[in-house]
PDB file of N, CA and C in Angstrom:
ATOM      1  N   MET A   1      83.935 -71.006-162.414  1.00  0.00           N
ATOM      2  CA  MET A   1      82.301 -71.778-162.787  1.00  0.00           C
ATOM      3  C   MET A   1      81.834 -71.473-160.583  1.00  0.00           C
ATOM      4  N   ALA A   2      80.907 -70.720-160.621  1.00  0.00           N
ATOM      5  CA  ALA A   2      80.367 -70.316-159.282  1.00  0.00           C
ATOM      6  C   ALA A   2      80.340 -72.179-158.425  1.00  0.00           C
ATOM      7  N   LYS A   3      80.787 -71.971-157.048  1.00  0.00           N
ATOM      8  CA  LYS A   3      80.378 -72.681-156.274  1.00  0.00           C
ATOM      9  C   LYS A   3      78.631 -73.357-155.645  1.00  0.00           C
ATOM     10  N   ILE A   4      78.303 -74.246-155.307  1.00  0.00           N
ATOM     11  CA  ILE A   4      76.796 -74.894-155.439  1.00  0.00           C
ATOM     12  C   ILE A   4      76.822 -75.140-154.406  1.00  0.00           C
ATOM     13  N   THR A   5      75.781 -74.353-153.172  1.00  0.00           N
ATOM     14  CA  THR A   5      75.784 -74.340-151.911  1.00  0.00           C
ATOM     15  C   THR A   5      74.374 -75.411-151.941  1.00  0.00           C
ATOM     16  N   PRO A   6      73.801 -75.316-150.687  1.00  0.00           N
ATOM     17  CA  PRO A   6      72.621 -75.086-150.164  1.00  0.00           C
ATOM     18  C   PRO A   6      71.369 -75.131-150.261  1.00  0.00           C
ATOM     19  N   GLU A   7      71.690 -73.226-150.389  1.00  0.00           N
ATOM     20  CA  GLU A   7      71.304 -72.213-150.527  1.00  0.00           C
ATOM     21  C   GLU A   7      70.363 -72.340-152.503  1.00  0.00           C
ATOM     22  N   THR A   8      71.605 -72.409-153.290  1.00  0.00           N
ATOM     23  CA  THR A   8      72.124 -72.029-154.381  1.00  0.00           C
ATOM     24  C   THR A   8      71.445 -72.710-155.215  1.00  0.00           C
ATOM     25  N   GLU A   9      71.610 -74.356-154.762  1.00  0.00           N
ATOM     26  CA  GLU A   9      70.481 -75.559-155.390  1.00  0.00           C
ATOM     27  C   GLU A   9      69.244 -74.856-155.268  1.00  0.00           C
ATOM     28  N   ASN A  10      68.877 -74.494-153.653  1.00  0.00           N
ATOM     29  CA  ASN A  10      66.910 -74.244-153.465  1.00  0.00           C
ATOM     30  C   ASN A  10      66.195 -73.571-154.621  1.00  0.00           C
ATOM     31  N   LYS A  11      67.154 -73.069-155.272  1.00  0.00           N
ATOM     32  CA  LYS A  11      66.605 -71.376-155.388  1.00  0.00           C
ATOM     33  C   LYS A  11      67.060 -71.798-156.779  1.00  0.00           C
ATOM     34  N   LYS A  12      67.183 -72.369-156.953  1.00  0.00           N
ATOM     35  CA  LYS A  12      67.258 -73.711-159.041  1.00  0.00           C
ATOM     36  C   LYS A  12      66.169 -74.754-159.303  1.00  0.00           C
ATOM     37  N   LYS A  13      65.463 -75.174-157.939  1.00  0.00           N
ATOM     38  CA  LYS A  13      64.601 -75.510-157.874  1.00  0.00           C
ATOM     39  C   LYS A  13      63.002 -75.608-157.885  1.00  0.00           C
ATOM     40  N   THR A  14      62.887 -73.417-157.231  1.00  0.00           N
ATOM     41  CA  THR A  14      61.617 -72.942-156.811  1.00  0.00           C
ATOM     42  C   THR A  14      61.115 -72.344-158.487  1.00  0.00           C
ATOM     43  N   PRO A  15      59.984 -73.377-158.082  1.00  0.00           N
ATOM     44  CA  PRO A  15      59.619 -73.274-160.224  1.00  0.00           C
ATOM     45  C   PRO A  15      59.107 -71.818-159.991  1.00  0.00           C
ATOM     46  N   ALA A  16      58.733 -71.570-160.894  1.00  0.00           N
ATOM     47  CA  ALA A  16      58.251 -70.538-162.181  1.00  0.00           C
ATOM     48  C   ALA A  16      57.116 -69.733-162.075  1.00  0.00           C
ATOM     49  N   SER A  17      56.464 -71.424-161.652  1.00  0.00           N
ATOM     50  CA  SER A  17      54.861 -70.673-161.636  1.00  0.00           C
ATOM     51  C   SER A  17      54.447 -69.986-160.742  1.00  0.00           C
ATOM     52  N   LYS A  18      55.443 -70.182-158.552  1.00  0.00           N
ATOM     53  CA  LYS A  18      55.248 -69.066-158.458  1.00  0.00           C
ATOM     54  C   LYS A  18      54.941 -67.928-158.799  1.00  0.00           C
ATOM     55  N   SER A  19      56.132 -67.248-159.410  1.00  0.00           N
ATOM     56  CA  SER A  19      55.865 -66.205-158.937  1.00  0.00           C
ATOM     57  C   SER A  19      54.595 -65.393-160.367  1.00  0.00           C
ATOM     58  N   LYS A  20      54.628 -66.960-161.082  1.00  0.00           N
ATOM     59  CA  LYS A  20      53.478 -66.054-162.172  1.00  0.00           C
ATOM     60  C   LYS A  20      51.891 -66.133-162.071  1.00  0.00           C
ATOM     61  N   LYS A  21      51.366 -67.373-161.499  1.00  0.00           N
ATOM     62  CA  LYS A  21      50.231 -67.564-160.135  1.00  0.00           C
ATOM     63  C   LYS A  21      50.681 -65.977-159.542  1.00  0.00           C
ATOM     64  N   ALA A  22      51.288 -65.816-158.645  1.00  0.00           N
ATOM     65  CA  ALA A  22      51.094 -64.660-157.566  1.00  0.00           C
ATOM     66  C   ALA A  22      51.275 -63.230-158.648  1.00  0.00           C
ATOM     67  N   LYS A  23      52.246 -63.533-159.567  1.00  0.00           N
ATOM     68  CA  LYS A  23      51.068 -61.980-160.535  1.00  0.00           C
ATOM     69  C   LYS A  23      49.427 -61.833-161.465  1.00  0.00           C
ATOM     70  N   ALA A  24      49.690 -63.091-162.010  1.00  0.00           N
ATOM     71  CA  ALA A  24      48.121 -63.834-162.039  1.00  0.00           C
ATOM     72  C   ALA A  24      46.446 -63.027-161.140  1.00  0.00           C
ATOM     73  N   ALA A  25      47.261 -63.011-160.155  1.00  0.00           N
ATOM     74  CA  ALA A  25      46.751 -63.403-158.877  1.00  0.00           C
ATOM     75  C   ALA A  25      46.798 -62.080-159.359  1.00  0.00           C
ATOM     76  N   GLN A  26      47.648 -60.794-158.810  1.00  0.00           N
ATOM     77  CA  GLN A  26      47.737 -59.226-158.557  1.00  0.00           C
ATOM     78  C   GLN A  26      47.202 -59.382-160.259  1.00  0.00           C
ATOM     79  N   THR A  27      47.264 -58.941-161.220  1.00  0.00           N
ATOM     80  CA  THR A  27      46.584 -58.888-162.244  1.00  0.00           C
ATOM     81  C   THR A  27      44.952 -59.265-162.261  1.00  0.00           C
ATOM     82  N   THR A  28      44.402 -60.059-161.614  1.00  0.00           N
ATOM     83  CA  THR A  28      42.922 -60.370-161.744  1.00  0.00           C
ATOM     84  C   THR A  28      42.628 -59.044-160.370  1.00  0.00           C
ATOM     85  N   GLU A  29      43.578 -59.202-158.773  1.00  0.00           N
ATOM     86  CA  GLU A  29      42.977 -57.951-158.340  1.00  0.00           C
ATOM     87  C   GLU A  29      42.371 -57.006-158.855  1.00  0.00           C
ATOM     88  N   ILE A  30      43.799 -56.516-159.528  1.00  0.00           N
ATOM     89  CA  ILE A  30      43.690 -54.664-159.526  1.00  0.00           C
ATOM     90  C   ILE A  30      42.509 -54.913-160.950  1.00  0.00           C
ATOM     91  N   ALA A  31      42.513 -55.574-162.282  1.00  0.00           N
ATOM     92  CA  ALA A  31      41.040 -55.439-162.736  1.00  0.00           C
ATOM     93  C   ALA A  31      39.690 -55.610-162.129  1.00  0.00           C
ATOM     94  N   GLU A  32      39.751 -56.085-160.879  1.00  0.00           N
ATOM     95  CA  GLU A  32      38.563 -56.708-160.539  1.00  0.00           C
ATOM     96  C   GLU A  32      38.371 -55.285-159.587  1.00  0.00           C
ATOM     97  N   ASP A  33      39.305 -54.529-159.142  1.00  0.00           N
ATOM     98  CA  ASP A  33      39.421 -53.570-158.940  1.00  0.00           C
ATOM     99  C   ASP A  33      38.672 -51.922-159.801  1.00  0.00           C
ATOM    100  N   GLN A  34      39.168 -51.767-160.541  1.00  0.00           N
ATOM    101  CA  GLN A  34      39.411 -51.646-162.056  1.00  0.00           C
ATOM    102  C   GLN A  34      37.691 -51.737-162.258  1.00  0.00           C
ATOM    103  N   ILE A  35      37.780 -53.195-162.315  1.00  0.00           N
ATOM    104  CA  ILE A  35      35.947 -52.702-163.042  1.00  0.00           C
ATOM    105  C   ILE A  35      34.943 -52.103-161.490  1.00  0.00           C
ATOM    106  N   ARG A  36      35.166 -52.724-160.232  1.00  0.00           N
ATOM    107  CA  ARG A  36      35.047 -51.893-159.722  1.00  0.00           C
ATOM    108  C   ARG A  36      34.827 -50.731-159.892  1.00  0.00           C
ATOM    109  N   LEU A  37      35.552 -49.539-158.998  1.00  0.00           N
ATOM    110  CA  LEU A  37      35.628 -48.412-159.667  1.00  0.00           C
ATOM    111  C   LEU A  37      34.840 -47.990-160.726  1.00  0.00           C
ATOM    112  N   ALA A  38      34.877 -48.498-161.881  1.00  0.00           N
ATOM    113  CA  ALA A  38      34.363 -47.287-163.236  1.00  0.00           C
ATOM    114  C   ALA A  38      32.339 -48.059-162.691  1.00  0.00           C
ATOM    115  N   ALA A  39      32.466 -49.605-162.228  1.00  0.00           N
ATOM    116  CA  ALA A  39      30.856 -49.627-161.914  1.00  0.00           C
ATOM    117  C   ALA A  39      30.246 -48.407-161.027  1.00  0.00           C
ATOM    118  N   TYR A  40      31.311 -47.845-159.854  1.00  0.00           N
ATOM    119  CA  TYR A  40      30.503 -47.255-159.089  1.00  0.00           C
ATOM    120  C   TYR A  40      30.479 -45.480-159.690  1.00  0.00           C
ATOM    121  N   TYR A  41      31.594 -45.564-161.219  1.00  0.00           N
ATOM    122  CA  TYR A  41      32.016 -44.107-161.488  1.00  0.00           C
ATOM    123  C   TYR A  41      30.161 -43.770-162.023  1.00  0.00           C
ATOM    124  N   ARG A  42      29.900 -45.719-162.741  1.00  0.00           N
ATOM    125  CA  ARG A  42      29.248 -45.144-163.680  1.00  0.00           C
ATOM    126  C   ARG A  42      27.248 -45.000-162.795  1.00  0.00           C
ATOM    127  N   TRP A  43      27.613 -45.520-161.552  1.00  0.00           N
ATOM    128  CA  TRP A  43      26.624 -45.274-160.978  1.00  0.00           C
ATOM    129  C   TRP A  43      26.285 -43.900-160.257  1.00  0.00           C
ATOM    130  N   GLU A  44      27.637 -43.229-159.832  1.00  0.00           N
ATOM    131  CA  GLU A  44      26.994 -42.190-159.407  1.00  0.00           C
ATOM    132  C   GLU A  44      26.727 -40.946-161.028  1.00  0.00           C
ATOM    133  N   GLU A  45      27.562 -41.013-162.379  1.00  0.00           N
ATOM    134  CA  GLU A  45      26.781 -41.144-163.388  1.00  0.00           C
ATOM    135  C   GLU A  45      24.800 -40.678-163.580  1.00  0.00           C
ATOM    136  N   ARG A  46      24.472 -41.943-163.503  1.00  0.00           N
ATOM    137  CA  ARG A  46      23.186 -42.138-163.525  1.00  0.00           C
ATOM    138  C   ARG A  46      22.252 -41.130-161.821  1.00  0.00           C
ATOM    139  N   GLY A  47      23.133 -40.785-161.503  1.00  0.00           N
ATOM    140  CA  GLY A  47      22.367 -40.279-160.219  1.00  0.00           C
ATOM    141  C   GLY A  47      22.038 -40.657-159.350  1.00  0.00           C
ATOM    142  N   LYS A  48      23.233 -42.067-158.811  1.00  0.00           N
ATOM    143  CA  LYS A  48      22.958 -42.652-157.785  1.00  0.00           C
ATOM    144  C   LYS A  48      21.349 -43.198-157.796  1.00  0.00           C
ATOM    145  N   THR A  49      21.238 -43.885-158.325  1.00  0.00           N
ATOM    146  CA  THR A  49      19.664 -44.003-158.533  1.00  0.00           C
ATOM    147  C   THR A  49      20.329 -46.067-158.024  1.00  0.00           C
ATOM    148  N   HIS A  50      19.023 -46.423-157.415  1.00  0.00           N
ATOM    149  CA  HIS A  50      19.761 -47.576-157.007  1.00  0.00           C
ATOM    150  C   HIS A  50      18.488 -48.736-157.978  1.00  0.00           C
ATOM    151  N   GLY A  51      18.946 -49.726-157.918  1.00  0.00           N
ATOM    152  CA  GLY A  51      18.734 -51.349-158.993  1.00  0.00           C
ATOM    153  C   GLY A  51      18.580 -51.317-159.987  1.00  0.00           C
ATOM    154  N   SER A  52      20.085 -50.464-160.656  1.00  0.00           N
ATOM    155  CA  SER A  52      20.615 -51.644-161.197  1.00  0.00           C
ATOM    156  C   SER A  52      22.371 -51.165-161.585  1.00  0.00           C
ATOM    157  N   HIS A  53      22.822 -51.951-160.258  1.00  0.00           N
ATOM    158  CA  HIS A  53      23.952 -52.580-159.861  1.00  0.00           C
ATOM    159  C   HIS A  53      24.642 -53.436-160.894  1.00  0.00           C
ATOM    160  N   SER A  54      23.848 -54.644-161.125  1.00  0.00           N
ATOM    161  CA  SER A  54      24.443 -55.835-162.327  1.00  0.00           C
ATOM    162  C   SER A  54      24.752 -54.855-163.868  1.00  0.00           C
ATOM    163  N   GLU A  55      23.846 -54.156-164.092  1.00  0.00           N
ATOM    164  CA  GLU A  55      24.424 -53.540-165.328  1.00  0.00           C
ATOM    165  C   GLU A  55      25.031 -52.754-164.843  1.00  0.00           C
ATOM    166  N   ASP A  56      25.122 -51.918-164.250  1.00  0.00           N
ATOM    167  CA  ASP A  56      26.739 -51.206-164.185  1.00  0.00           C
ATOM    168  C   ASP A  56      28.083 -52.292-163.931  1.00  0.00           C
ATOM    169  N   TRP A  57      28.092 -52.925-163.307  1.00  0.00           N
ATOM    170  CA  TRP A  57      29.146 -53.906-162.884  1.00  0.00           C
ATOM    171  C   TRP A  57      28.933 -54.590-164.833  1.00  0.00           C
ATOM    172  N   PHE A  58      28.165 -55.134-165.481  1.00  0.00           N
ATOM    173  CA  PHE A  58      29.009 -55.445-166.458  1.00  0.00           C
ATOM    174  C   PHE A  58      28.255 -54.639-167.470  1.00  0.00           C
ATOM    175  N   GLU A  59      29.091 -53.302-167.721  1.00  0.00           N
ATOM    176  CA  GLU A  59      29.134 -52.835-168.406  1.00  0.00           C
ATOM    177  C   GLU A  59      30.936 -52.204-168.490  1.00  0.00           C
ATOM    178  N   ALA A  60      30.907 -51.897-166.830  1.00  0.00           N
ATOM    179  CA  ALA A  60      31.986 -51.770-166.944  1.00  0.00           C
ATOM    180  C   ALA A  60      33.191 -52.553-166.809  1.00  0.00           C
ATOM    181  N   GLU A  61      32.539 -53.915-167.436  1.00  0.00           N
ATOM    182  CA  GLU A  61      33.928 -54.865-166.965  1.00  0.00           C
ATOM    183  C   GLU A  61      33.840 -55.497-168.820  1.00  0.00           C
ATOM    184  N   ASN A  62      32.768 -54.862-169.596  1.00  0.00           N
ATOM    185  CA  ASN A  62      32.821 -55.104-170.459  1.00  0.00           C
ATOM    186  C   ASN A  62      33.157 -53.496-171.367  1.00  0.00           C
ATOM    187  N   PHE A  63      33.723 -52.584-170.248  1.00  0.00           N
ATOM    188  CA  PHE A  63      34.418 -51.847-170.852  1.00  0.00           C
ATOM    189  C   PHE A  63      36.370 -52.156-170.596  1.00  0.00           C
ATOM    190  N   PHE A  64      36.731 -53.067-170.025  1.00  0.00           N
ATOM    191  CA  PHE A  64      37.944 -53.258-170.277  1.00  0.00           C
ATOM    192  C   PHE A  64      37.862 -54.596-170.566  1.00  0.00           C
ATOM    193  N   THR A  65      37.380 -55.071-170.848  1.00  0.00           N
ATOM    194  CA  THR A  65      37.634 -56.544-171.762  1.00  0.00           C
ATOM    195  C   THR A  65      37.606 -56.368-172.753  1.00  0.00           C
ATOM    196  N   TYR A  66      35.973 -55.834-173.762  1.00  0.00           N
ATOM    197  CA  TYR A  66      35.663 -55.494-175.307  1.00  0.00           C
ATOM    198  C   TYR A  66      37.952 -54.393-175.936  1.00  0.00           C
TER     199      TYR A  66
END
């Protein structure tokens, strides 16, 4: 049987939700970066014209969410 020390006892009490929250935050950052990059490429494909950045963003968002 493993010896229980203060260090091992503290490890047991660490909530697993911290790692889940960190992964969720990291996933959100990755998704946002992907959307941003896709919107940029869409803007480039349209000839870098100004005025429809929201449309580019929404189309990129839809691409990754549907």
